[in-house]
PDB file of N, CA and C in Angstrom:
ATOM      1  N   MET A   1      -8.934 -11.262   1.223  1.00  0.00           N
ATOM      2  CA  MET A   1     -10.264 -10.825   0.834  1.00  0.00           C
ATOM      3  C   MET A   1     -10.120  -9.687  -0.174  1.00  0.00           C
ATOM      4  N   MET A   2     -10.800  -9.794  -1.260  1.00  0.00           N
ATOM      5  CA  MET A   2     -10.742  -8.769  -2.298  1.00  0.00           C
ATOM      6  C   MET A   2     -12.016  -7.934  -2.239  1.00  0.00           C
ATOM      7  N   ILE A   3     -11.895  -6.686  -2.653  1.00  0.00           N
ATOM      8  CA  ILE A   3     -13.070  -5.840  -2.730  1.00  0.00           C
ATOM      9  C   ILE A   3     -13.798  -6.219  -4.011  1.00  0.00           C
ATOM     10  N   ASP A   4     -15.028  -6.688  -3.900  1.00  0.00           N
ATOM     11  CA  ASP A   4     -15.747  -7.186  -5.068  1.00  0.00           C
ATOM     12  C   ASP A   4     -16.608  -6.122  -5.728  1.00  0.00           C
ATOM     13  N   LYS A   5     -16.647  -4.916  -5.203  1.00  0.00           N
ATOM     14  CA  LYS A   5     -17.423  -3.840  -5.807  1.00  0.00           C
ATOM     15  C   LYS A   5     -16.455  -2.798  -6.355  1.00  0.00           C
ATOM     16  N   PRO A   6     -16.465  -2.561  -7.686  1.00  0.00           N
ATOM     17  CA  PRO A   6     -15.525  -1.580  -8.248  1.00  0.00           C
ATOM     18  C   PRO A   6     -15.873  -0.156  -7.825  1.00  0.00           C
ATOM     19  N   LEU A   7     -14.858   0.701  -7.812  1.00  0.00           N
ATOM     20  CA  LEU A   7     -15.080   2.105  -7.507  1.00  0.00           C
ATOM     21  C   LEU A   7     -15.791   2.763  -8.677  1.00  0.00           C
ATOM     22  N   LYS A   8     -16.779   3.583  -8.392  1.00  0.00           N
ATOM     23  CA  LYS A   8     -17.551   4.220  -9.452  1.00  0.00           C
ATOM     24  C   LYS A   8     -17.212   5.688  -9.613  1.00  0.00           C
ATOM     25  N   ASP A   9     -16.814   6.347  -8.552  1.00  0.00           N
ATOM     26  CA  ASP A   9     -16.531   7.774  -8.594  1.00  0.00           C
ATOM     27  C   ASP A   9     -15.026   8.008  -8.603  1.00  0.00           C
ATOM     28  N   GLU A  10     -14.649   9.205  -9.042  1.00  0.00           N
ATOM     29  CA  GLU A  10     -13.243   9.572  -8.987  1.00  0.00           C
ATOM     30  C   GLU A  10     -12.854   9.818  -7.536  1.00  0.00           C
ATOM     31  N   THR A  11     -11.626   9.532  -7.227  1.00  0.00           N
ATOM     32  CA  THR A  11     -11.115   9.751  -5.884  1.00  0.00           C
ATOM     33  C   THR A  11     -10.197  10.956  -5.901  1.00  0.00           C
ATOM     34  N   LYS A  12     -10.416  11.886  -5.010  1.00  0.00           N
ATOM     35  CA  LYS A  12      -9.565  13.064  -4.922  1.00  0.00           C
ATOM     36  C   LYS A  12      -8.385  12.747  -4.023  1.00  0.00           C
ATOM     37  N   MET A  13      -7.203  12.962  -4.564  1.00  0.00           N
ATOM     38  CA  MET A  13      -5.981  12.713  -3.823  1.00  0.00           C
ATOM     39  C   MET A  13      -5.496  14.026  -3.212  1.00  0.00           C
ATOM     40  N   PHE A  14      -4.824  13.937  -2.080  1.00  0.00           N
ATOM     41  CA  PHE A  14      -4.219  15.115  -1.481  1.00  0.00           C
ATOM     42  C   PHE A  14      -2.840  14.748  -0.962  1.00  0.00           C
ATOM     43  N   LYS A  15      -1.985  15.737  -0.924  1.00  0.00           N
ATOM     44  CA  LYS A  15      -0.610  15.510  -0.506  1.00  0.00           C
ATOM     45  C   LYS A  15      -0.500  15.683   1.005  1.00  0.00           C
ATOM     46  N   ALA A  16       0.130  14.714   1.649  1.00  0.00           N
ATOM     47  CA  ALA A  16       0.371  14.759   3.088  1.00  0.00           C
ATOM     48  C   ALA A  16       1.861  14.531   3.305  1.00  0.00           C
ATOM     49  N   GLY A  17       2.618  15.617   3.403  1.00  0.00           N
ATOM     50  CA  GLY A  17       4.074  15.502   3.509  1.00  0.00           C
ATOM     51  C   GLY A  17       4.648  15.056   2.177  1.00  0.00           C
ATOM     52  N   ASN A  18       5.353  13.934   2.166  1.00  0.00           N
ATOM     53  CA  ASN A  18       5.926  13.401   0.929  1.00  0.00           C
ATOM     54  C   ASN A  18       5.057  12.324   0.305  1.00  0.00           C
ATOM     55  N   SER A  19       3.884  12.095   0.850  1.00  0.00           N
ATOM     56  CA  SER A  19       3.012  11.027   0.380  1.00  0.00           C
ATOM     57  C   SER A  19       1.703  11.574  -0.167  1.00  0.00           C
ATOM     58  N   TRP A  20       1.073  10.789  -1.008  1.00  0.00           N
ATOM     59  CA  TRP A  20      -0.263  11.120  -1.509  1.00  0.00           C
ATOM     60  C   TRP A  20      -1.264  10.233  -0.784  1.00  0.00           C
ATOM     61  N   SER A  21      -2.410  10.795  -0.441  1.00  0.00           N
ATOM     62  CA  SER A  21      -3.446  10.066   0.298  1.00  0.00           C
ATOM     63  C   SER A  21      -4.804  10.319  -0.320  1.00  0.00           C
ATOM     64  N   PHE A  22      -5.786   9.548   0.108  1.00  0.00           N
ATOM     65  CA  PHE A  22      -7.166   9.785  -0.288  1.00  0.00           C
ATOM     66  C   PHE A  22      -8.059   9.514   0.906  1.00  0.00           C
ATOM     67  N   ARG A  23      -9.177  10.193   0.936  1.00  0.00           N
ATOM     68  CA  ARG A  23     -10.097  10.060   2.065  1.00  0.00           C
ATOM     69  C   ARG A  23     -11.024   8.867   1.844  1.00  0.00           C
ATOM     70  N   VAL A  24     -11.332   8.184   2.923  1.00  0.00           N
ATOM     71  CA  VAL A  24     -12.272   7.065   2.867  1.00  0.00           C
ATOM     72  C   VAL A  24     -13.340   7.249   3.936  1.00  0.00           C
ATOM     73  N   THR A  25     -14.489   6.678   3.690  1.00  0.00           N
ATOM     74  CA  THR A  25     -15.564   6.729   4.675  1.00  0.00           C
ATOM     75  C   THR A  25     -15.299   5.683   5.756  1.00  0.00           C
ATOM     76  N   SER A  26     -16.015   5.761   6.849  1.00  0.00           N
ATOM     77  CA  SER A  26     -15.821   4.783   7.926  1.00  0.00           C
ATOM     78  C   SER A  26     -16.199   3.383   7.448  1.00  0.00           C
ATOM     79  N   LYS A  27     -17.170   3.278   6.558  1.00  0.00           N
ATOM     80  CA  LYS A  27     -17.566   1.981   5.999  1.00  0.00           C
ATOM     81  C   LYS A  27     -16.425   1.398   5.165  1.00  0.00           C
ATOM     82  N   ASP A  28     -15.803   2.251   4.336  1.00  0.00           N
ATOM     83  CA  ASP A  28     -14.680   1.800   3.524  1.00  0.00           C
ATOM     84  C   ASP A  28     -13.490   1.425   4.390  1.00  0.00           C
ATOM     85  N   ARG A  29     -13.290   2.171   5.464  1.00  0.00           N
ATOM     86  CA  ARG A  29     -12.162   1.917   6.360  1.00  0.00           C
ATOM     87  C   ARG A  29     -12.243   0.498   6.920  1.00  0.00           C
ATOM     88  N   LYS A  30     -13.447   0.052   7.244  1.00  0.00           N
ATOM     89  CA  LYS A  30     -13.617  -1.310   7.759  1.00  0.00           C
ATOM     90  C   LYS A  30     -13.228  -2.326   6.697  1.00  0.00           C
ATOM     91  N   SER A  31     -13.548  -2.040   5.412  1.00  0.00           N
ATOM     92  CA  SER A  31     -13.185  -2.956   4.329  1.00  0.00           C
ATOM     93  C   SER A  31     -11.682  -3.041   4.177  1.00  0.00           C
ATOM     94  N   PHE A  32     -10.991  -1.895   4.276  1.00  0.00           N
ATOM     95  CA  PHE A  32      -9.545  -1.895   4.117  1.00  0.00           C
ATOM     96  C   PHE A  32      -8.862  -2.669   5.241  1.00  0.00           C
ATOM     97  N   LYS A  33      -9.419  -2.619   6.444  1.00  0.00           N
ATOM     98  CA  LYS A  33      -8.822  -3.346   7.559  1.00  0.00           C
ATOM     99  C   LYS A  33      -8.885  -4.848   7.332  1.00  0.00           C
ATOM    100  N   LYS A  34      -9.872  -5.305   6.556  1.00  0.00           N
ATOM    101  CA  LYS A  34     -10.048  -6.732   6.322  1.00  0.00           C
ATOM    102  C   LYS A  34      -9.165  -7.264   5.198  1.00  0.00           C
ATOM    103  N   LEU A  35      -8.520  -6.375   4.429  1.00  0.00           N
ATOM    104  CA  LEU A  35      -7.669  -6.812   3.322  1.00  0.00           C
ATOM    105  C   LEU A  35      -6.430  -7.520   3.844  1.00  0.00           C
ATOM    106  N   GLU A  36      -6.025  -8.540   3.116  1.00  0.00           N
ATOM    107  CA  GLU A  36      -4.817  -9.263   3.481  1.00  0.00           C
ATOM    108  C   GLU A  36      -3.602  -8.453   3.049  1.00  0.00           C
ATOM    109  N   ALA A  37      -2.461  -8.795   3.597  1.00  0.00           N
ATOM    110  CA  ALA A  37      -1.217  -8.120   3.230  1.00  0.00           C
ATOM    111  C   ALA A  37      -0.900  -8.378   1.760  1.00  0.00           C
ATOM    112  N   ALA A  38      -0.115  -7.504   1.178  1.00  0.00           N
ATOM    113  CA  ALA A  38       0.258  -7.639  -0.230  1.00  0.00           C
ATOM    114  C   ALA A  38       1.062  -8.916  -0.447  1.00  0.00           C
ATOM    115  N   ASP A  39       0.848  -9.519  -1.584  1.00  0.00           N
ATOM    116  CA  ASP A  39       1.581 -10.713  -1.977  1.00  0.00           C
ATOM    117  C   ASP A  39       3.065 -10.339  -2.144  1.00  0.00           C
ATOM    118  N   PRO A  40       3.977 -11.104  -1.586  1.00  0.00           N
ATOM    119  CA  PRO A  40       5.409 -10.770  -1.714  1.00  0.00           C
ATOM    120  C   PRO A  40       5.871 -10.660  -3.164  1.00  0.00           C
ATOM    121  N   SER A  41       5.221 -11.375  -4.071  1.00  0.00           N
ATOM    122  CA  SER A  41       5.630 -11.286  -5.474  1.00  0.00           C
ATOM    123  C   SER A  41       5.321  -9.901  -6.041  1.00  0.00           C
ATOM    124  N   VAL A  42       4.287  -9.240  -5.511  1.00  0.00           N
ATOM    125  CA  VAL A  42       3.970  -7.875  -5.947  1.00  0.00           C
ATOM    126  C   VAL A  42       5.074  -6.927  -5.491  1.00  0.00           C
ATOM    127  N   ASP A  43       5.530  -7.096  -4.266  1.00  0.00           N
ATOM    128  CA  ASP A  43       6.637  -6.273  -3.766  1.00  0.00           C
ATOM    129  C   ASP A  43       7.882  -6.462  -4.623  1.00  0.00           C
ATOM    130  N   ALA A  44       8.174  -7.698  -4.972  1.00  0.00           N
ATOM    131  CA  ALA A  44       9.348  -7.976  -5.800  1.00  0.00           C
ATOM    132  C   ALA A  44       9.177  -7.348  -7.179  1.00  0.00           C
ATOM    133  N   PHE A  45       7.982  -7.440  -7.752  1.00  0.00           N
ATOM    134  CA  PHE A  45       7.709  -6.845  -9.058  1.00  0.00           C
ATOM    135  C   PHE A  45       7.907  -5.334  -9.010  1.00  0.00           C
ATOM    136  N   MET A  46       7.362  -4.682  -7.977  1.00  0.00           N
ATOM    137  CA  MET A  46       7.472  -3.228  -7.874  1.00  0.00           C
ATOM    138  C   MET A  46       8.919  -2.790  -7.665  1.00  0.00           C
ATOM    139  N   ASP A  47       9.688  -3.552  -6.886  1.00  0.00           N
ATOM    140  CA  ASP A  47      11.101  -3.230  -6.710  1.00  0.00           C
ATOM    141  C   ASP A  47      11.833  -3.288  -8.046  1.00  0.00           C
ATOM    142  N   GLU A  48      11.572  -4.331  -8.813  1.00  0.00           N
ATOM    143  CA  GLU A  48      12.203  -4.478 -10.124  1.00  0.00           C
ATOM    144  C   GLU A  48      11.759  -3.376 -11.076  1.00  0.00           C
ATOM    145  N   PHE A  49      10.473  -3.033 -11.029  1.00  0.00           N
ATOM    146  CA  PHE A  49       9.932  -1.983 -11.890  1.00  0.00           C
ATOM    147  C   PHE A  49      10.604  -0.643 -11.599  1.00  0.00           C
ATOM    148  N   TYR A  50      10.748  -0.317 -10.313  1.00  0.00           N
ATOM    149  CA  TYR A  50      11.388   0.942  -9.934  1.00  0.00           C
ATOM    150  C   TYR A  50      12.866   0.965 -10.345  1.00  0.00           C
ATOM    151  N   LYS A  51      13.540  -0.182 -10.254  1.00  0.00           N
ATOM    152  CA  LYS A  51      14.932  -0.239 -10.692  1.00  0.00           C
ATOM    153  C   LYS A  51      15.029   0.012 -12.195  1.00  0.00           C
ATOM    154  N   LYS A  52      14.121  -0.573 -12.942  1.00  0.00           N
ATOM    155  CA  LYS A  52      14.151  -0.468 -14.401  1.00  0.00           C
ATOM    156  C   LYS A  52      13.697   0.903 -14.894  1.00  0.00           C
ATOM    157  N   HIS A  53      12.689   1.498 -14.226  1.00  0.00           N
ATOM    158  CA  HIS A  53      12.079   2.747 -14.672  1.00  0.00           C
ATOM    159  C   HIS A  53      12.226   3.867 -13.648  1.00  0.00           C
ATOM    160  N   GLY A  54      13.318   3.872 -12.916  1.00  0.00           N
ATOM    161  CA  GLY A  54      13.520   4.861 -11.863  1.00  0.00           C
ATOM    162  C   GLY A  54      13.490   6.291 -12.362  1.00  0.00           C
ATOM    163  N   ASP A  55      14.073   6.541 -13.549  1.00  0.00           N
ATOM    164  CA  ASP A  55      14.089   7.902 -14.080  1.00  0.00           C
ATOM    165  C   ASP A  55      12.683   8.391 -14.409  1.00  0.00           C
ATOM    166  N   LEU A  56      11.858   7.521 -14.957  1.00  0.00           N
ATOM    167  CA  LEU A  56      10.479   7.878 -15.258  1.00  0.00           C
ATOM    168  C   LEU A  56       9.686   8.132 -13.977  1.00  0.00           C
ATOM    169  N   MET A  57       9.885   7.289 -12.974  1.00  0.00           N
ATOM    170  CA  MET A  57       9.169   7.445 -11.719  1.00  0.00           C
ATOM    171  C   MET A  57       9.573   8.752 -11.028  1.00  0.00           C
ATOM    172  N   LYS A  58      10.862   9.104 -11.091  1.00  0.00           N
ATOM    173  CA  LYS A  58      11.327  10.368 -10.499  1.00  0.00           C
ATOM    174  C   LYS A  58      10.705  11.555 -11.213  1.00  0.00           C
ATOM    175  N   GLU A  59      10.609  11.464 -12.539  1.00  0.00           N
ATOM    176  CA  GLU A  59       9.990  12.542 -13.326  1.00  0.00           C
ATOM    177  C   GLU A  59       8.517  12.712 -12.941  1.00  0.00           C
ATOM    178  N   LEU A  60       7.819  11.605 -12.722  1.00  0.00           N
ATOM    179  CA  LEU A  60       6.407  11.681 -12.317  1.00  0.00           C
ATOM    180  C   LEU A  60       6.261  12.251 -10.911  1.00  0.00           C
ATOM    181  N   GLU A  61       7.192  11.931 -10.020  1.00  0.00           N
ATOM    182  CA  GLU A  61       7.131  12.471  -8.663  1.00  0.00           C
ATOM    183  C   GLU A  61       7.302  13.976  -8.653  1.00  0.00           C
ATOM    184  N   ASP A  62       8.116  14.497  -9.573  1.00  0.00           N
ATOM    185  CA  ASP A  62       8.415  15.918  -9.612  1.00  0.00           C
ATOM    186  C   ASP A  62       7.258  16.748 -10.188  1.00  0.00           C
ATOM    187  N   LYS A  63       6.290  16.108 -10.815  1.00  0.00           N
ATOM    188  CA  LYS A  63       5.179  16.866 -11.423  1.00  0.00           C
ATOM    189  C   LYS A  63       4.105  17.165 -10.441  1.00  0.00           C
TER     190      LYS A  63
END
């Protein structure tokens, strides 16, 4: 199931340990629970992307 309504407002991110997070409303939380798992091809793409651009990704993490 895809979310058919685009986000209109900016989302404020906050750091939680080593991860970045964003707050969602209880209504949005229900929508996220209904999402299907990520397509395995996306995982493979991201793994390849990180291998190819690891130095750039590390530089972005440090900022």
